[in-house]
Protein backbone atom coordinates (compact mmCIF):
# COMPACT_ATOMS: atom_id res chain seq x y z
CA MET A 1 -17.60 -14.45 -5.87
CA ARG A 2 -16.38 -18.01 -4.70
CA LYS A 3 -13.14 -16.59 -3.46
CA PHE A 4 -15.15 -14.10 -1.47
CA GLY A 5 -17.13 -16.79 -0.23
CA LEU A 6 -14.01 -18.78 0.68
CA ILE A 7 -12.77 -15.71 2.59
CA LEU A 8 -16.07 -15.37 4.61
CA PHE A 9 -15.74 -19.23 5.54
CA ILE A 10 -12.16 -19.04 6.78
CA LEU A 11 -13.18 -15.91 8.54
CA LEU A 12 -15.94 -17.65 10.35
CA THR A 13 -14.10 -21.02 11.03
CA THR A 14 -11.10 -19.28 12.40
CA LEU A 15 -12.83 -16.56 14.46
CA THR A 16 -15.07 -19.63 16.02
CA PHE A 17 -11.78 -21.68 16.67
CA VAL A 18 -10.45 -18.53 18.71
CA LYS A 19 -13.45 -17.90 20.54
CA ALA A 20 -13.57 -21.75 21.49
CA GLN A 21 -9.78 -21.47 22.82
CA LYS A 22 -10.84 -18.52 24.94
CA ARG A 23 -13.72 -20.66 26.53
CA THR A 24 -11.51 -23.40 27.16
CA LEU A 25 -8.55 -23.12 29.89
CA ASP A 26 -5.93 -20.95 28.31
CA LYS A 27 -2.27 -21.61 28.95
CA ILE A 28 0.96 -19.42 28.83
CA ALA A 29 3.06 -20.02 25.67
CA GLY A 30 5.65 -17.62 27.10
CA VAL A 31 7.16 -15.12 29.40
CA VAL A 32 9.45 -12.15 28.77
CA GLY A 33 10.14 -10.43 32.10
CA SER A 34 6.87 -9.56 33.58
CA GLY A 35 5.24 -9.70 30.41
CA ILE A 36 3.03 -12.94 29.47
CA ILE A 37 2.10 -14.46 26.18
CA LEU A 38 -1.12 -16.59 26.13
CA GLN A 39 -1.92 -19.40 23.74
CA SER A 40 -4.83 -17.26 22.76
CA ASP A 41 -2.73 -14.39 21.77
CA ILE A 42 -0.84 -16.56 19.27
CA GLU A 43 -4.06 -18.33 17.60
CA SER A 44 -5.73 -15.05 17.37
CA GLN A 45 -3.32 -13.74 15.33
CA TYR A 46 -2.88 -17.00 13.30
CA ALA A 47 -6.88 -16.45 12.56
CA GLN A 48 -5.88 -13.18 11.26
CA PHE A 49 -3.02 -14.86 8.97
CA LEU A 50 -5.70 -17.16 7.56
CA VAL A 51 -8.06 -14.37 6.97
CA GLN A 52 -5.89 -12.45 4.99
CA GLY A 53 -6.04 -15.37 2.44
CA ASN A 54 -2.87 -17.32 3.48
CA GLN A 55 -2.88 -20.98 3.13
CA PRO A 56 -2.90 -22.94 6.50
CA ASN A 57 0.58 -23.58 8.22
CA PRO A 58 0.99 -24.27 11.42
CA SER A 59 4.81 -23.47 11.75
CA ILE A 60 3.98 -19.72 11.16
CA LYS A 61 2.93 -19.77 14.95
CA CYS A 62 6.52 -20.04 15.54
CA TYR A 63 7.28 -16.81 13.92
CA ILE A 64 4.29 -15.08 15.63
CA LEU A 65 5.58 -16.10 18.93
CA GLN A 66 8.83 -14.84 18.02
CA GLN A 67 7.27 -11.28 17.37
CA LEU A 68 5.48 -11.41 20.41
CA LEU A 69 8.51 -12.16 22.63
CA THR A 70 10.22 -9.22 20.75
CA GLN A 71 7.14 -6.85 21.07
CA LYS A 72 7.00 -7.39 24.95
CA LEU A 73 10.59 -7.05 25.52
CA LEU A 74 10.64 -3.71 23.29
CA ALA A 75 7.50 -2.57 25.26
CA GLN A 76 9.24 -2.97 28.85
CA GLN A 77 12.26 -1.23 27.71
CA ALA A 78 9.80 1.43 26.40
CA VAL A 79 8.48 2.05 29.98
CA ILE A 80 11.99 2.41 31.54
CA ASP A 81 12.84 5.03 28.86
CA SER A 82 9.52 6.77 28.97
CA VAL A 83 8.56 5.93 25.40
CA THR A 84 4.86 6.53 24.83
CA VAL A 85 2.52 6.72 22.00
CA LYS A 86 -0.45 9.15 21.86
CA ASP A 87 -4.13 7.98 22.03
CA ASP A 88 -5.10 9.36 18.69
CA GLU A 89 -2.07 7.40 17.09
CA VAL A 90 -3.55 4.23 18.64
CA ASP A 91 -7.18 5.07 17.84
CA ALA A 92 -6.08 5.44 13.91
CA GLU A 93 -4.39 2.20 13.83
CA VAL A 94 -7.44 0.48 15.30
CA ASP A 95 -9.78 2.24 12.94
CA ARG A 96 -7.59 1.26 9.95
CA ARG A 97 -7.65 -2.20 10.91
CA MET A 98 -11.52 -2.28 11.56
CA ARG A 99 -12.07 -0.96 8.20
CA SER A 100 -10.04 -3.59 6.57
CA MET A 101 -12.17 -6.25 8.57
CA VAL A 102 -15.26 -4.74 7.58
CA ALA A 103 -14.55 -4.36 4.09
CA ARG A 104 -13.42 -8.28 3.88
CA ALA A 105 -16.73 -9.33 5.81
CA GLY A 106 -18.89 -7.35 3.75
CA GLY A 107 -20.07 -4.88 6.17
CA GLU A 108 -20.26 -3.90 9.88
CA GLU A 109 -23.17 -6.31 10.42
CA ARG A 110 -21.80 -9.69 9.01
CA LEU A 111 -18.36 -8.75 10.73
CA GLU A 112 -20.32 -8.42 14.11
CA GLY A 113 -22.01 -11.64 13.49
CA PHE A 114 -18.53 -13.45 12.95
CA LEU A 115 -17.00 -12.08 15.84
CA GLY A 116 -19.95 -12.83 18.07
CA ARG A 117 -19.87 -9.15 19.51
CA SER A 118 -20.11 -5.63 18.51
CA ILE A 119 -17.55 -3.54 16.65
CA ILE A 120 -17.05 -1.24 19.54
CA GLN A 121 -16.65 -4.31 22.10
CA TYR A 122 -13.88 -5.92 19.79
CA LYS A 123 -12.25 -2.78 19.28
CA ASP A 124 -11.92 -2.25 22.97
CA GLU A 125 -10.55 -5.86 23.15
CA ILE A 126 -7.79 -5.22 20.35
CA ARG A 127 -6.92 -1.75 21.66
CA PRO A 128 -4.36 -2.82 24.36
CA GLU A 129 -2.40 -5.15 21.93
CA ILE A 130 -2.38 -2.39 19.09
CA LYS A 131 -0.93 0.28 22.04
CA GLU A 132 1.80 -2.34 22.90
CA GLN A 133 3.04 -2.79 18.82
CA LYS A 134 2.83 0.98 18.39
CA ILE A 135 5.03 1.53 21.52
CA ALA A 136 7.55 -1.37 20.31
CA GLU A 137 7.74 0.04 17.10
CA LYS A 138 8.54 3.64 18.60
CA MET A 139 11.10 1.98 20.83
CA ARG A 140 12.58 0.27 18.07
CA GLN A 141 13.13 3.54 16.28
CA LYS A 142 14.69 4.99 19.33
CA ILE A 143 17.43 2.30 19.25
CA THR A 144 18.06 3.10 15.61
CA GLU A 145 17.43 6.84 15.90
CA LYS A 146 21.45 7.55 15.75
CA VAL A 147 22.37 4.99 13.26
CA ASN A 148 24.42 6.48 10.17
CA VAL A 149 26.92 5.08 7.64
CA THR A 150 29.99 6.97 6.92
CA PRO A 151 32.06 6.62 3.55
CA TYR A 152 34.24 4.31 5.64
CA ASP A 153 31.32 2.19 6.88
CA ILE A 154 30.22 1.67 2.87
CA LYS A 155 33.38 0.73 1.69
CA LYS A 156 33.94 -1.76 4.77
CA TYR A 157 30.78 -3.14 4.10
CA PHE A 158 31.31 -3.69 0.37
CA ASP A 159 34.79 -5.07 0.91
CA ALA A 160 33.28 -7.55 3.12
CA ILE A 161 31.09 -9.10 0.28
CA PRO A 162 32.75 -12.33 -1.42
CA LYS A 163 33.53 -11.30 -4.84
CA ASP A 164 31.58 -14.08 -6.11
CA SER A 165 28.42 -13.23 -4.17
CA LEU A 166 28.40 -9.62 -5.68
CA ARG A 167 24.82 -9.11 -7.25
CA THR A 168 24.47 -8.07 -10.65
CA TYR A 169 22.55 -5.15 -11.75
CA ASN A 170 20.50 -5.24 -14.81
CA LYS A 171 20.80 -2.21 -17.25
CA GLU A 172 18.90 0.68 -15.92
CA VAL A 173 17.74 4.01 -17.08
CA GLU A 174 16.83 7.31 -15.26
CA ILE A 175 13.86 8.61 -17.42
CA GLY A 176 11.61 11.85 -17.00
CA ALA A 177 8.52 12.43 -18.86
CA ILE A 178 6.30 15.38 -19.41
CA SER A 179 2.98 14.50 -20.11
CA ILE A 180 0.02 16.45 -21.66
CA SER A 181 -3.39 14.73 -21.61
CA PRO A 182 -6.24 15.56 -23.95
CA THR A 183 -9.10 17.35 -22.20
CA LEU A 184 -12.60 17.68 -23.37
CA THR A 185 -14.78 21.09 -23.54
CA ALA A 186 -17.70 21.56 -21.99
CA ALA A 187 -19.47 21.27 -25.39
CA GLU A 188 -17.69 17.91 -26.10
CA LYS A 189 -18.72 16.54 -22.81
CA LYS A 190 -22.42 17.76 -22.89
CA PHE A 191 -23.47 14.65 -24.96
CA VAL A 192 -22.22 12.09 -22.27
CA LYS A 193 -23.38 14.07 -19.42
CA GLU A 194 -26.84 14.26 -21.10
CA LYS A 195 -26.80 10.37 -21.46
CA VAL A 196 -25.92 10.02 -17.84
CA GLU A 197 -28.88 12.43 -16.96
CA SER A 198 -31.43 10.35 -18.86
CA LEU A 199 -30.26 7.14 -17.05
CA ARG A 200 -30.68 8.66 -13.77
CA ALA A 201 -34.10 9.86 -14.94
CA ARG A 202 -34.99 6.42 -15.63
CA VAL A 203 -33.77 5.20 -12.33
CA LYS A 204 -36.05 8.07 -10.61
CA ALA A 205 -38.88 6.89 -12.80
CA GLY A 206 -38.68 3.44 -11.26
CA GLU A 207 -36.29 1.34 -13.43
CA ASP A 208 -34.12 -1.28 -11.85
CA PHE A 209 -30.83 0.43 -10.94
CA GLY A 210 -28.85 -2.84 -11.27
CA ASN A 211 -30.34 -3.74 -14.48
CA LEU A 212 -29.32 -0.21 -15.98
CA ALA A 213 -25.70 -0.62 -14.59
CA ARG A 214 -25.12 -3.93 -16.09
CA LEU A 215 -26.42 -2.69 -19.27
CA TYR A 216 -24.57 0.89 -19.72
CA SER A 217 -22.05 1.17 -16.67
CA GLN A 218 -18.47 1.50 -18.21
CA ASP A 219 -17.07 0.45 -14.64
CA PRO A 220 -15.58 -2.61 -15.27
CA GLY A 221 -15.31 -3.86 -11.64
CA SER A 222 -18.96 -3.08 -10.90
CA ALA A 223 -21.05 -3.10 -13.82
CA ALA A 224 -21.46 -6.76 -13.57
CA GLU A 225 -22.50 -6.58 -10.13
CA GLY A 226 -25.26 -4.05 -10.84
CA GLY A 227 -23.09 -0.95 -10.44
CA ASP A 228 -22.53 -2.41 -6.39
CA LEU A 229 -19.38 -1.24 -4.77
CA GLY A 230 -19.72 -2.69 -1.35
CA PHE A 231 -18.58 -0.95 1.72
CA GLY A 232 -15.95 1.63 1.73
CA ASP A 233 -14.79 4.44 3.56
CA ARG A 234 -13.83 8.10 2.56
CA SER A 235 -10.45 7.14 1.84
CA GLY A 236 -11.23 4.51 -0.99
CA TYR A 237 -12.81 7.17 -3.22
CA VAL A 238 -11.78 10.09 -5.20
CA LYS A 239 -13.03 13.47 -3.39
CA GLU A 240 -16.01 13.95 -5.53
CA PHE A 241 -17.16 10.58 -5.29
CA SER A 242 -17.01 10.73 -1.47
CA ALA A 243 -18.62 14.36 -1.36
CA GLN A 244 -21.63 12.49 -2.94
CA ALA A 245 -21.63 9.43 -1.00
CA PHE A 246 -21.29 10.43 2.48
CA LYS A 247 -24.07 13.25 2.30
CA LEU A 248 -26.97 11.09 1.40
CA LYS A 249 -29.05 8.94 3.31
CA ALA A 250 -29.79 5.25 2.58
CA GLY A 251 -32.14 5.08 -0.67
CA GLU A 252 -31.39 8.66 -2.22
CA ILE A 253 -29.78 9.11 -5.49
CA SER A 254 -26.96 11.67 -6.21
CA PRO A 255 -27.08 14.06 -8.86
CA VAL A 256 -24.78 13.72 -11.97
CA PHE A 257 -21.24 14.85 -11.00
CA GLU A 258 -17.90 14.12 -12.64
CA THR A 259 -14.39 12.80 -11.60
CA ASP A 260 -11.51 11.77 -13.67
CA TYR A 261 -13.21 8.63 -14.58
CA GLY A 262 -16.12 10.34 -16.07
CA PHE A 263 -19.53 10.86 -15.29
CA HIS A 264 -21.40 9.28 -12.36
CA PHE A 265 -24.49 9.05 -10.17
CA LEU A 266 -24.83 6.68 -7.30
CA GLN A 267 -27.18 5.54 -4.87
CA VAL A 268 -26.68 4.84 -1.13
CA ILE A 269 -27.73 1.44 -0.32
CA GLU A 270 -26.61 1.58 3.52
CA ARG A 271 -24.67 3.64 5.97
CA ARG A 272 -22.68 2.42 8.93
CA GLY A 273 -20.64 4.98 10.71
CA GLU A 274 -17.65 5.58 8.38
CA GLN A 275 -18.71 2.90 5.81
CA VAL A 276 -20.97 3.35 3.19
CA HIS A 277 -22.72 1.00 0.70
CA VAL A 278 -23.15 2.25 -2.37
CA ARG A 279 -23.87 1.45 -6.36
CA HIS A 280 -23.17 3.75 -9.27
CA ILE A 281 -23.27 4.11 -12.85
CA LEU A 282 -20.30 5.40 -14.75
CA ILE A 283 -20.17 6.53 -18.37
CA LYS A 284 -16.80 7.72 -19.84
CA PRO A 285 -16.49 10.43 -22.39
CA ASP A 286 -14.78 9.27 -25.37
CA ILE A 287 -11.65 11.15 -26.41
CA THR A 288 -12.33 13.25 -29.44
CA GLN A 289 -9.78 14.00 -32.47
CA ALA A 290 -9.98 17.62 -31.74
CA SER A 291 -9.22 17.25 -27.89
CA LEU A 292 -5.91 15.13 -29.34
CA ASP A 293 -4.93 17.98 -31.66
CA ARG A 294 -5.07 20.28 -28.75
CA ALA A 295 -2.95 18.18 -26.50
CA LYS A 296 -0.67 17.67 -29.71
CA ALA A 297 -0.45 21.22 -30.19
CA LYS A 298 0.24 22.06 -26.54
CA ILE A 299 3.28 19.87 -26.07
CA ASP A 300 4.69 20.37 -29.59
CA SER A 301 4.97 23.94 -27.97
CA VAL A 302 6.60 22.64 -24.74
CA TYR A 303 8.93 20.52 -27.01
CA THR A 304 10.11 23.85 -28.87
CA LEU A 305 10.56 25.62 -25.66
CA LEU A 306 12.62 22.88 -24.22
CA SER A 307 14.58 22.53 -27.44
CA GLY A 308 15.35 26.36 -27.90
CA ASN A 309 15.51 28.05 -24.77
CA LYS A 310 18.31 27.10 -22.42
CA LYS A 311 16.62 29.25 -19.72
CA ILE A 312 14.00 26.39 -18.75
CA ASP A 313 15.34 23.02 -17.83
CA PHE A 314 13.38 19.83 -17.96
CA SER A 315 12.71 19.83 -14.13
CA SER A 316 10.78 23.15 -14.14
CA ALA A 317 9.03 22.46 -17.67
CA ALA A 318 7.66 19.16 -16.00
CA ALA A 319 6.38 21.09 -12.90
CA PHE A 320 4.86 23.56 -15.11
CA TYR A 321 3.36 21.84 -17.67
CA SER A 322 3.25 18.27 -17.11
CA ASP A 323 -0.40 16.45 -16.33
CA ASP A 324 1.34 13.51 -14.52
CA LYS A 325 0.53 14.17 -10.75
CA GLU A 326 3.13 11.22 -9.99
CA THR A 327 5.93 12.80 -11.67
CA LYS A 328 5.69 16.49 -12.13
CA PHE A 329 7.03 17.49 -8.79
CA ASN A 330 9.57 15.20 -8.90
CA GLY A 331 11.44 16.98 -11.49
CA GLY A 332 9.60 14.93 -14.14
CA MET A 333 11.40 11.85 -13.16
CA MET A 334 9.80 8.37 -12.99
CA LEU A 335 10.11 6.15 -9.94
CA ASN A 336 10.86 2.57 -9.98
CA ALA A 337 7.59 1.00 -9.35
CA ASP A 338 9.09 -2.18 -7.83
CA ASN A 339 10.86 0.06 -5.14
CA VAL A 340 8.67 2.81 -4.13
CA GLN A 341 9.82 3.06 -0.82
CA ALA A 342 13.16 3.87 -1.61
CA ARG A 343 11.67 6.53 -4.10
CA THR A 344 14.72 5.30 -6.63
CA THR A 345 14.75 6.70 -9.99
CA TYR A 346 16.93 3.94 -11.51
CA ILE A 347 14.52 1.86 -13.22
CA PRO A 348 15.79 -1.71 -14.81
CA THR A 349 14.98 -1.70 -18.69
CA ASP A 350 12.96 -4.96 -18.44
CA LYS A 351 10.48 -3.33 -15.98
CA LEU A 352 9.82 -0.21 -18.34
CA ASP A 353 6.68 0.15 -19.96
CA PRO A 354 7.27 -1.44 -23.45
CA GLN A 355 6.14 1.86 -25.42
CA VAL A 356 8.85 3.74 -23.24
CA ALA A 357 11.41 1.10 -23.58
CA LEU A 358 11.11 1.24 -27.22
CA VAL A 359 11.78 5.20 -27.59
CA VAL A 360 14.37 4.93 -24.97
CA ASP A 361 16.21 2.39 -26.36
CA THR A 362 17.49 4.57 -29.36
CA MET A 363 18.00 7.91 -27.45
CA LYS A 364 21.51 9.18 -25.96
CA VAL A 365 22.00 10.30 -22.44
CA GLY A 366 21.01 13.95 -21.97
CA SER A 367 18.62 13.88 -24.93
CA LEU A 368 14.86 14.63 -25.40
CA SER A 369 12.35 12.20 -27.36
CA LYS A 370 9.88 13.84 -29.81
CA PRO A 371 6.37 13.96 -28.70
CA GLN A 372 4.51 10.85 -29.04
CA LEU A 373 1.19 9.48 -28.31
CA PHE A 374 1.17 6.88 -25.72
CA SER A 375 -1.86 4.49 -24.43
CA ALA A 376 -1.96 3.39 -20.80
CA GLN A 377 -3.40 0.01 -19.70
CA ASP A 378 -6.74 1.49 -19.10
CA GLY A 379 -6.91 2.71 -22.62
CA LYS A 380 -6.30 6.32 -21.49
CA LYS A 381 -3.97 8.29 -23.89
CA SER A 382 -1.57 11.00 -23.46
CA TYR A 383 1.13 12.56 -25.42
CA LYS A 384 4.71 12.65 -23.81
CA ILE A 385 8.19 13.89 -23.99
CA LEU A 386 10.78 11.70 -22.71
CA PHE A 387 14.11 12.81 -21.13
CA LEU A 388 17.05 10.15 -20.56
CA LYS A 389 19.10 11.43 -17.66
CA SER A 390 21.34 8.17 -17.28
CA LYS A 391 22.00 4.78 -18.72
CA THR A 392 24.01 2.19 -17.03
CA ASP A 393 24.88 -1.12 -18.59
CA ALA A 394 24.45 -4.58 -17.02
CA HIS A 395 27.15 -5.03 -14.61
CA LYS A 396 28.56 -6.78 -11.19
CA ALA A 397 28.08 -4.39 -8.30
CA ASN A 398 30.68 -1.70 -7.75
CA LEU A 399 31.06 1.51 -5.69
CA ALA A 400 31.82 3.94 -8.88
CA GLN A 401 28.47 2.87 -10.41
CA ASP A 402 26.31 1.85 -7.50
CA LEU A 403 27.33 3.92 -4.54
CA PRO A 404 23.73 4.97 -3.62
CA LYS A 405 22.23 1.49 -3.53
CA ILE A 406 25.45 0.21 -1.53
CA LYS A 407 24.94 3.06 0.93
CA ASP A 408 21.38 1.80 1.31
CA LEU A 409 22.44 -1.74 1.81
CA ALA A 410 25.22 -0.65 4.16
CA TYR A 411 22.57 1.69 6.19
CA GLU A 412 20.26 -1.47 6.09
CA ASP A 413 23.05 -3.85 7.63
CA LYS A 414 24.19 -1.57 9.98
CA LEU A 415 20.69 -0.85 11.41
CA ASN A 416 19.98 -4.60 11.77
CA ARG A 417 23.22 -5.05 13.41
CA SER A 418 22.36 -2.30 15.92
CA VAL A 419 18.77 -3.88 16.83
CA SER A 420 20.73 -7.38 17.17
CA GLU A 421 23.00 -6.18 19.38
CA TRP A 422 20.44 -4.45 21.72
CA PHE A 423 18.44 -7.64 21.70
CA GLU A 424 21.31 -9.83 22.53
CA LYS A 425 22.28 -7.81 25.36
CA LYS A 426 18.64 -7.51 26.58
CA ARG A 427 17.90 -11.14 26.28
CA LYS A 428 20.89 -11.96 28.41
CA GLU A 429 19.48 -10.06 31.22
CA THR A 430 15.90 -10.86 30.88
CA TYR A 431 13.87 -13.67 32.48
CA VAL A 432 12.27 -15.79 29.24
CA LYS A 433 10.24 -18.77 29.66
CA ILE A 434 8.80 -20.71 26.72
CA ASP A 435 6.44 -23.36 26.38
CA PRO A 436 7.86 -26.93 25.55
CA GLU A 437 5.52 -26.92 22.54
CA PHE A 438 7.50 -24.30 20.66
CA MET A 439 10.98 -25.01 21.98
CA SER A 440 11.55 -27.09 18.51
CA CYS A 441 10.89 -23.60 16.61
CA PRO A 442 14.22 -22.66 15.18
CA GLN A 443 13.10 -18.96 15.42
CA LEU A 444 13.12 -19.27 19.09
CA LYS A 445 16.66 -20.90 19.75
CA ILE A 446 18.32 -17.40 20.20
CA TRP A 447 15.74 -16.87 23.17
CA THR A 448 17.17 -19.52 25.30
CA SER A 449 20.68 -20.09 23.86
CA ALA A 450 23.40 -18.48 26.05
CA ASN A 451 20.57 -17.17 28.56
CA PRO A 452 20.98 -18.24 32.41
CA THR A 453 17.47 -16.85 32.87
CA ALA A 454 15.70 -18.54 29.94
CA GLN A 455 14.25 -22.03 30.38
CA ALA A 456 11.38 -24.20 29.25
CA LYS A 457 8.61 -24.88 31.46
């Protein structure tokens, strides 16, 4: 709660500063071609930087101005090249940002108090800026859309790396998993559902919802707060929860319903547009020995099928049998959680779940592990069969072992060089003016050096 209060204090003081800035005589911090960047534009983005929980750092304003100069240059070229964005793309981004700000502030009313104007007014104010950002992003994509790397490019990039600068890759493995989770029968769930029904009846009879949540709810994130989840939108909840939360009026209590987490009932406290403030009580069913036995029998049969039937491979078996939604449609292969964007299946062994690492350590490439019971951090249990697809010892980067990774690095390097070359050419052709206050920023030297049209005011 102290951290939350600090965030609110920062939000209030920074937004107050920006409003004061706009009431005073604003000044031009930079000019790019026909685009003007005001000091208040920089202060506004710096305020957002602080609201996100970052420590005060005035030098960040140099980086902000650099980004705004870049954005202006891209947006102006987009007009020439007829690059546009659809209104619904802009609206979606505006709504996404507002949802984040509302959640941080603790509701629309509080945020409007901090902003000193309505949400609708603020959305109208930030929409042009966000539209320009989206256009600049699209223009950057156009500049790089034809960039690709050939085998020659990859080798040239790798050969240019000094040998003493080659990165060392840790020992890595590619692991597949088929996971079978224990499921309860209706009869096994009945006791838990009846318990939740009895708690709901007590609330309906007049007992305090918050006290019951603190005593009985098994949601570690909200029980101590009386079940209060604060404001959220549909994307923040699982579909069964959203279905209940967004069809009730303020004060109404939902029936008991089930999600992957257990049995709940909730109460809507307040509804504001596409944001709803709710509290809930959650009771998680205990996994029974019978349910574990059923899961064990099922995974044993899958293991027997894989071991004795060459007509089905691991990938197909994972898609058909596995309960793990994150891997079953990826051939059962686990992804490197530290590099999700690249969707790489190469995982350093020091990043593996210790339970998985212990099993994999004794496996040979191409082999299956016997079914074993695993426990997740949240306490959920499941039986897994592991498949070791590949194992690479720690080594210096080389083309034979690391071609996919070096290809990605070579592509990223070529991408950056293409953008840099484009900017270098456009900067020399474009009028640039920067306020003397920012001329000492190292990031901005490239905007004025070797540019006959660039100057300080």
